[in-house]
Amino acid sequence: MGENYSRYKYWFRGAPFNDRYLVATSFAHLGLAGATIKNELNVPVKCAIVAEKAAWTEAMIKAAEATIPKMGFELVGVWQPSDKATDVTAELSAIQKSGANMIFTIFSASVGITFARQAGELKIPAVQVGINVEAQKDGFWEATKGMGNYVFTMNSYARGIEVNELTKPFVETYIKRFGEVPTYTADTYSAINLGLVPSIEAAGSLDADKIVAIMENREYLVPGGKVKLERDKEGRPTHDLTWGPGYLTSLGVQWQDGKLVAVWPNKWKASPTAPEVTYKGMVPLKLPPWMKK
């Protein structure tokens, strides 16, 4: 974008925030899970990485391999089942033998259901945390036959959570209309109705360059936080979404006894000097009870 502004100036990121911030958010969730293990079990954290075998996961695996030891956790191994695997008992057996008590998942496909269901059936003594797109959906509980309990993943929305005054009415209206909690794709609503339309109105015209100039300098609330478009170190527009306290963070959600509840950010600080962030409606993270035996 910064290197070829004239070519890309009409392209804007609507949702989600970029992959660097997705990774940073996942590591924040790892930090919460690791701290909970240390505080409640008083044992060292041993982490396994399990990612579906796909090109998009490779960069995240490398980042996790580099970051997990820096967080003070032992990395015990990496497993990569097929994204459509229907049996992962071999991987789960190896993970259990490794002594892992935390599993960093990177799933976008149906293997997320298989892994969660079989881990629950086998009562693998480890908390699952990371990305599991299937676990973001209301149908996950039924799909795993209730065995997906305690799975912790990233999501944009959850019942009962208020990031700001727009969150609750948006989520409740969406559920009434569609019968489920919105996922990140529902942010198309924000991009059009709260991003593009007010910018057109402010420009008083459909002149694209005038609209772009307004969009680049706006800050506005959306149901998931506040939108502000970033600039690079040279001050050039990137049209990327700002991530962090006061802007967009997404949520960490966990299945707890049939309910998908939000557990992060809860007294989270992006850095030692950053403001503490907690959204209304947060509940504590729960470890699977079979980890405590």
Protein backbone atom coordinates (compact mmCIF):
# COMPACT_ATOMS: atom_id res chain seq x y z
CA MET A 1 0.00 0.00 0.00
CA GLY A 2 2.66 2.48 1.05
CA GLU A 3 4.83 1.57 -1.92
CA ASN A 4 2.08 1.82 -4.54
CA TYR A 5 -0.60 4.09 -3.12
CA SER A 6 -2.14 5.06 -6.46
CA ARG A 7 -2.84 1.41 -7.26
CA TYR A 8 -4.28 0.34 -3.92
CA LYS A 9 -5.85 3.51 -2.48
CA TYR A 10 -9.39 2.24 -3.07
CA TRP A 11 -8.79 -0.94 -1.07
CA PHE A 12 -9.63 -0.96 2.65
CA ARG A 13 -9.54 -3.73 5.24
CA GLY A 14 -12.99 -4.18 6.75
CA ALA A 15 -12.49 -7.27 8.96
CA PRO A 16 -10.72 -8.95 10.58
CA PHE A 17 -7.51 -7.14 11.51
CA ASN A 18 -4.35 -8.36 9.76
CA ASP A 19 -2.49 -11.62 10.37
CA ARG A 20 0.19 -9.99 12.56
CA TYR A 21 -2.51 -8.91 14.98
CA LEU A 22 -4.32 -12.25 14.75
CA VAL A 23 -1.08 -13.89 15.86
CA ALA A 24 -0.55 -11.32 18.64
CA THR A 25 -4.09 -11.96 19.89
CA SER A 26 -3.57 -15.73 19.84
CA PHE A 27 -0.39 -15.32 21.89
CA ALA A 28 -2.26 -13.14 24.39
CA HIS A 29 -4.75 -16.00 24.76
CA LEU A 30 -1.84 -18.43 25.23
CA GLY A 31 -0.52 -16.14 27.94
CA LEU A 32 -3.84 -16.22 29.79
CA ALA A 33 -4.10 -20.01 29.56
CA GLY A 34 -0.48 -20.46 30.64
CA ALA A 35 -0.90 -18.15 33.62
CA THR A 36 -4.05 -20.03 34.66
CA ILE A 37 -2.20 -23.36 34.52
CA LYS A 38 0.65 -21.99 36.64
CA ASN A 39 -1.66 -20.34 39.18
CA GLU A 40 -4.11 -23.22 39.59
CA LEU A 41 -1.89 -26.27 39.10
CA ASN A 42 1.51 -24.90 40.12
CA VAL A 43 3.28 -26.81 37.33
CA PRO A 44 5.44 -25.75 34.38
CA VAL A 45 3.57 -25.11 31.14
CA LYS A 46 4.24 -27.55 28.31
CA CYS A 47 2.74 -26.57 24.98
CA ALA A 48 1.98 -28.61 21.85
CA ILE A 49 1.21 -26.97 18.51
CA VAL A 50 -1.50 -28.63 16.41
CA ALA A 51 -2.21 -27.00 13.05
CA GLU A 52 -4.16 -28.26 10.08
CA LYS A 53 -1.87 -29.06 7.16
CA ALA A 54 -2.43 -26.02 4.94
CA ALA A 55 -0.30 -23.25 3.47
CA TRP A 56 -1.94 -20.54 5.59
CA THR A 57 -0.85 -22.14 8.88
CA GLU A 58 2.88 -22.33 8.09
CA ALA A 59 3.72 -18.74 9.07
CA MET A 60 1.74 -19.08 12.31
CA ILE A 61 3.55 -22.31 13.17
CA LYS A 62 6.93 -20.63 12.70
CA ALA A 63 5.85 -17.65 14.80
CA ALA A 64 4.57 -19.95 17.54
CA GLU A 65 7.76 -22.04 17.55
CA ALA A 66 9.77 -18.85 18.06
CA THR A 67 7.45 -17.22 20.61
CA ILE A 68 6.28 -20.02 22.91
CA PRO A 69 9.75 -20.58 24.51
CA LYS A 70 10.10 -16.80 24.97
CA MET A 71 6.86 -16.87 26.97
CA GLY A 72 8.49 -19.28 29.40
CA PHE A 73 6.64 -22.35 28.12
CA GLU A 74 8.25 -25.58 26.95
CA LEU A 75 7.44 -26.49 23.34
CA VAL A 76 6.97 -30.27 23.19
CA GLY A 77 6.21 -30.73 19.50
CA VAL A 78 4.26 -29.84 16.37
CA TRP A 79 1.50 -31.95 14.82
CA GLN A 80 -0.18 -31.28 11.47
CA PRO A 81 -3.24 -33.42 10.71
CA SER A 82 -5.25 -33.02 7.52
CA ASP A 83 -7.76 -30.18 7.63
CA LYS A 84 -10.48 -32.79 6.94
CA ALA A 85 -9.18 -35.50 9.30
CA THR A 86 -11.90 -37.70 10.80
CA ASP A 87 -9.61 -39.43 13.32
CA VAL A 88 -6.81 -37.74 15.28
CA THR A 89 -6.37 -40.30 18.05
CA ALA A 90 -2.76 -40.94 16.97
CA GLU A 91 -1.91 -37.25 17.34
CA LEU A 92 -3.75 -37.01 20.67
CA SER A 93 -1.96 -40.09 22.01
CA ALA A 94 1.41 -38.60 21.08
CA ILE A 95 0.47 -35.25 22.62
CA GLN A 96 -0.55 -36.93 25.88
CA LYS A 97 2.72 -38.87 25.98
CA SER A 98 4.64 -35.60 25.48
CA GLY A 99 3.25 -34.28 28.76
CA ALA A 100 1.62 -31.24 27.15
CA ASN A 101 -0.87 -29.41 29.36
CA MET A 102 -1.66 -26.73 26.76
CA ILE A 103 -2.44 -27.23 23.05
CA PHE A 104 -2.12 -24.30 20.64
CA THR A 105 -4.62 -25.04 17.86
CA ILE A 106 -4.66 -23.54 14.37
CA PHE A 107 -7.80 -24.86 12.68
CA SER A 108 -10.12 -23.36 10.08
CA ALA A 109 -11.79 -26.53 8.81
CA SER A 110 -13.69 -29.60 10.06
CA VAL A 111 -10.65 -31.09 11.81
CA GLY A 112 -11.42 -28.57 14.56
CA ILE A 113 -14.56 -30.54 15.40
CA THR A 114 -12.80 -33.91 15.20
CA PHE A 115 -9.91 -32.80 17.40
CA ALA A 116 -12.09 -31.20 20.07
CA ARG A 117 -14.54 -34.13 20.20
CA GLN A 118 -11.87 -36.81 20.49
CA ALA A 119 -9.79 -34.80 22.98
CA GLY A 120 -12.91 -34.53 25.13
CA GLU A 121 -13.76 -38.22 24.78
CA LEU A 122 -10.22 -39.20 25.78
CA LYS A 123 -10.07 -36.52 28.50
CA ILE A 124 -6.67 -35.33 27.31
CA PRO A 125 -5.28 -33.35 30.30
CA ALA A 126 -4.57 -30.16 28.38
CA VAL A 127 -6.43 -26.93 27.63
CA GLN A 128 -6.98 -26.12 23.94
CA VAL A 129 -6.36 -22.50 22.99
CA GLY A 130 -5.77 -20.69 19.70
CA ILE A 131 -7.81 -20.61 16.51
CA ASN A 132 -10.62 -23.08 15.94
CA VAL A 133 -13.10 -21.56 13.48
CA GLU A 134 -15.66 -24.34 14.00
CA ALA A 135 -15.65 -23.61 17.75
CA GLN A 136 -16.77 -20.04 17.01
CA LYS A 137 -20.13 -21.35 15.79
CA ASP A 138 -23.21 -22.11 17.87
CA GLY A 139 -23.46 -25.56 16.26
CA PHE A 140 -20.09 -26.65 17.67
CA TRP A 141 -21.54 -28.02 20.90
CA GLU A 142 -23.91 -30.34 19.06
CA ALA A 143 -21.28 -31.23 16.44
CA THR A 144 -18.89 -32.41 19.17
CA LYS A 145 -21.71 -34.08 21.14
CA GLY A 146 -20.80 -31.92 24.12
CA MET A 147 -17.19 -33.07 24.04
CA GLY A 148 -15.93 -29.64 22.96
CA ASN A 149 -16.21 -28.36 26.51
CA TYR A 150 -13.43 -25.95 27.60
CA VAL A 151 -12.20 -25.25 24.04
CA PHE A 152 -10.84 -21.68 23.98
CA THR A 153 -10.72 -19.83 20.66
CA MET A 154 -10.81 -16.39 19.10
CA ASN A 155 -14.09 -14.78 18.07
CA SER A 156 -15.52 -11.37 17.24
CA TYR A 157 -18.69 -11.51 19.35
CA ALA A 158 -20.31 -13.41 22.21
CA ARG A 159 -23.62 -13.31 24.03
CA GLY A 160 -23.68 -10.91 26.97
CA ILE A 161 -20.51 -9.00 26.05
CA GLU A 162 -20.47 -5.23 25.64
CA VAL A 163 -17.36 -3.74 24.05
CA ASN A 164 -19.22 -0.44 23.71
CA GLU A 165 -22.80 0.82 23.43
CA LEU A 166 -23.21 -0.58 19.91
CA THR A 167 -22.32 -4.19 20.75
CA LYS A 168 -25.39 -5.43 22.62
CA PRO A 169 -28.09 -4.14 20.22
CA PHE A 170 -26.15 -5.40 17.20
CA VAL A 171 -25.59 -8.89 18.62
CA GLU A 172 -29.14 -9.24 19.96
CA THR A 173 -30.69 -8.08 16.67
CA TYR A 174 -28.45 -10.44 14.69
CA ILE A 175 -29.40 -13.41 16.89
CA LYS A 176 -33.11 -12.60 16.53
CA ARG A 177 -32.80 -12.44 12.76
CA PHE A 178 -30.39 -15.30 12.06
CA GLY A 179 -30.59 -17.48 15.17
CA GLU A 180 -26.88 -17.44 15.97
CA VAL A 181 -24.08 -15.22 17.29
CA PRO A 182 -22.42 -13.19 14.51
CA THR A 183 -18.93 -14.16 13.36
CA TYR A 184 -16.35 -11.78 11.89
CA THR A 185 -18.02 -11.83 8.45
CA ALA A 186 -20.94 -9.91 9.98
CA ASP A 187 -18.61 -6.91 10.18
CA THR A 188 -19.52 -6.26 6.55
CA TYR A 189 -22.39 -4.36 8.19
CA SER A 190 -19.94 -2.07 10.00
CA ALA A 191 -17.74 -1.57 6.95
CA ILE A 192 -20.67 -0.41 4.83
CA ASN A 193 -23.12 1.25 7.23
CA LEU A 194 -20.67 2.78 9.70
CA GLY A 195 -17.61 3.17 7.48
CA LEU A 196 -18.49 3.84 3.86
CA VAL A 197 -21.94 5.47 4.10
CA PRO A 198 -21.01 8.25 6.59
CA SER A 199 -17.87 8.97 4.55
CA ILE A 200 -19.93 9.41 1.39
CA GLU A 201 -22.31 11.69 3.28
CA ALA A 202 -19.42 13.74 4.66
CA ALA A 203 -17.90 14.06 1.18
CA GLY A 204 -21.25 15.18 -0.20
CA SER A 205 -20.38 13.38 -3.39
CA LEU A 206 -19.49 10.04 -4.94
CA ASP A 207 -16.05 11.31 -5.94
CA ALA A 208 -13.87 8.37 -4.91
CA ASP A 209 -10.79 10.42 -3.99
CA LYS A 210 -12.81 12.68 -1.68
CA ILE A 211 -14.34 9.65 0.02
CA VAL A 212 -10.93 7.99 0.46
CA ALA A 213 -9.49 11.13 2.07
CA ILE A 214 -12.31 11.17 4.63
CA MET A 215 -12.11 7.43 5.39
CA GLU A 216 -8.36 7.65 5.99
CA ASN A 217 -8.83 10.19 8.77
CA ARG A 218 -11.96 9.02 10.54
CA GLU A 219 -12.26 7.32 13.92
CA TYR A 220 -15.61 5.74 14.68
CA LEU A 221 -17.26 3.15 16.87
CA VAL A 222 -18.40 -0.21 15.52
CA PRO A 223 -19.99 -3.07 17.50
CA GLY A 224 -16.58 -4.73 17.93
CA GLY A 225 -14.65 -1.64 19.10
CA LYS A 226 -13.32 1.49 17.42
CA VAL A 227 -12.01 1.77 13.86
CA LYS A 228 -8.96 3.85 13.08
CA LEU A 229 -6.93 3.18 9.95
CA GLU A 230 -3.19 2.84 10.45
CA ARG A 231 -0.28 4.64 8.84
CA ASP A 232 3.22 3.27 8.38
CA LYS A 233 6.41 4.68 9.91
CA GLU A 234 6.63 7.24 7.10
CA GLY A 235 3.07 8.38 7.81
CA ARG A 236 1.64 6.79 4.67
CA PRO A 237 -1.88 5.29 4.85
CA THR A 238 -1.98 1.50 5.00
CA HIS A 239 -5.77 1.13 5.19
CA ASP A 240 -5.19 -1.52 7.87
CA LEU A 241 -7.21 -1.63 11.09
CA THR A 242 -5.65 -0.47 14.35
CA TRP A 243 -5.40 -3.23 16.96
CA GLY A 244 -5.13 -2.87 20.71
CA PRO A 245 -6.59 -1.12 23.76
CA GLY A 246 -9.24 1.42 22.79
CA TYR A 247 -9.56 0.06 19.26
CA LEU A 248 -10.16 -3.50 18.00
CA THR A 249 -9.06 -6.55 20.00
CA SER A 250 -11.62 -9.28 19.19
CA LEU A 251 -12.54 -11.70 21.99
CA GLY A 252 -11.27 -14.90 23.50
CA VAL A 253 -14.24 -17.23 23.98
CA GLN A 254 -14.56 -20.59 25.70
CA TRP A 255 -17.18 -23.31 25.71
CA GLN A 256 -18.32 -23.77 29.31
CA ASP A 257 -21.04 -26.38 29.87
CA GLY A 258 -22.87 -25.72 26.62
CA LYS A 259 -22.47 -21.96 26.59
CA LEU A 260 -19.96 -19.96 24.55
CA VAL A 261 -18.74 -17.29 26.97
CA ALA A 262 -16.07 -14.61 26.70
CA VAL A 263 -12.95 -14.91 28.87
CA TRP A 264 -10.60 -12.37 27.23
CA PRO A 265 -9.71 -9.49 27.43
CA ASN A 266 -10.12 -9.63 31.20
CA LYS A 267 -7.69 -7.33 33.02
CA TRP A 268 -5.44 -7.63 29.95
CA LYS A 269 -2.54 -5.25 29.34
CA ALA A 270 -0.94 -5.13 25.90
CA SER A 271 2.29 -3.95 27.54
CA PRO A 272 3.41 -3.06 31.07
CA THR A 273 2.51 0.60 30.48
CA ALA A 274 -0.68 0.01 28.48
CA PRO A 275 -4.13 0.56 30.01
CA GLU A 276 -5.92 -2.47 31.43
CA VAL A 277 -8.74 -3.76 29.24
CA THR A 278 -11.84 -5.64 30.42
CA TYR A 279 -15.15 -5.71 28.57
CA LYS A 280 -18.47 -5.94 30.40
CA GLY A 281 -19.64 -9.54 30.70
CA MET A 282 -16.27 -11.33 30.96
CA VAL A 283 -16.00 -14.54 33.00
CA PRO A 284 -12.89 -16.42 34.22
CA LEU A 285 -11.19 -19.03 32.03
CA LYS A 286 -11.83 -22.61 33.20
CA LEU A 287 -9.38 -25.48 32.94
CA PRO A 288 -10.80 -28.94 32.19
CA PRO A 289 -11.39 -30.56 35.61
CA TRP A 290 -9.50 -33.70 34.53
CA MET A 291 -6.32 -31.57 34.37
CA LYS A 292 -6.49 -31.19 38.15
CA LYS A 293 -6.28 -34.88 39.05
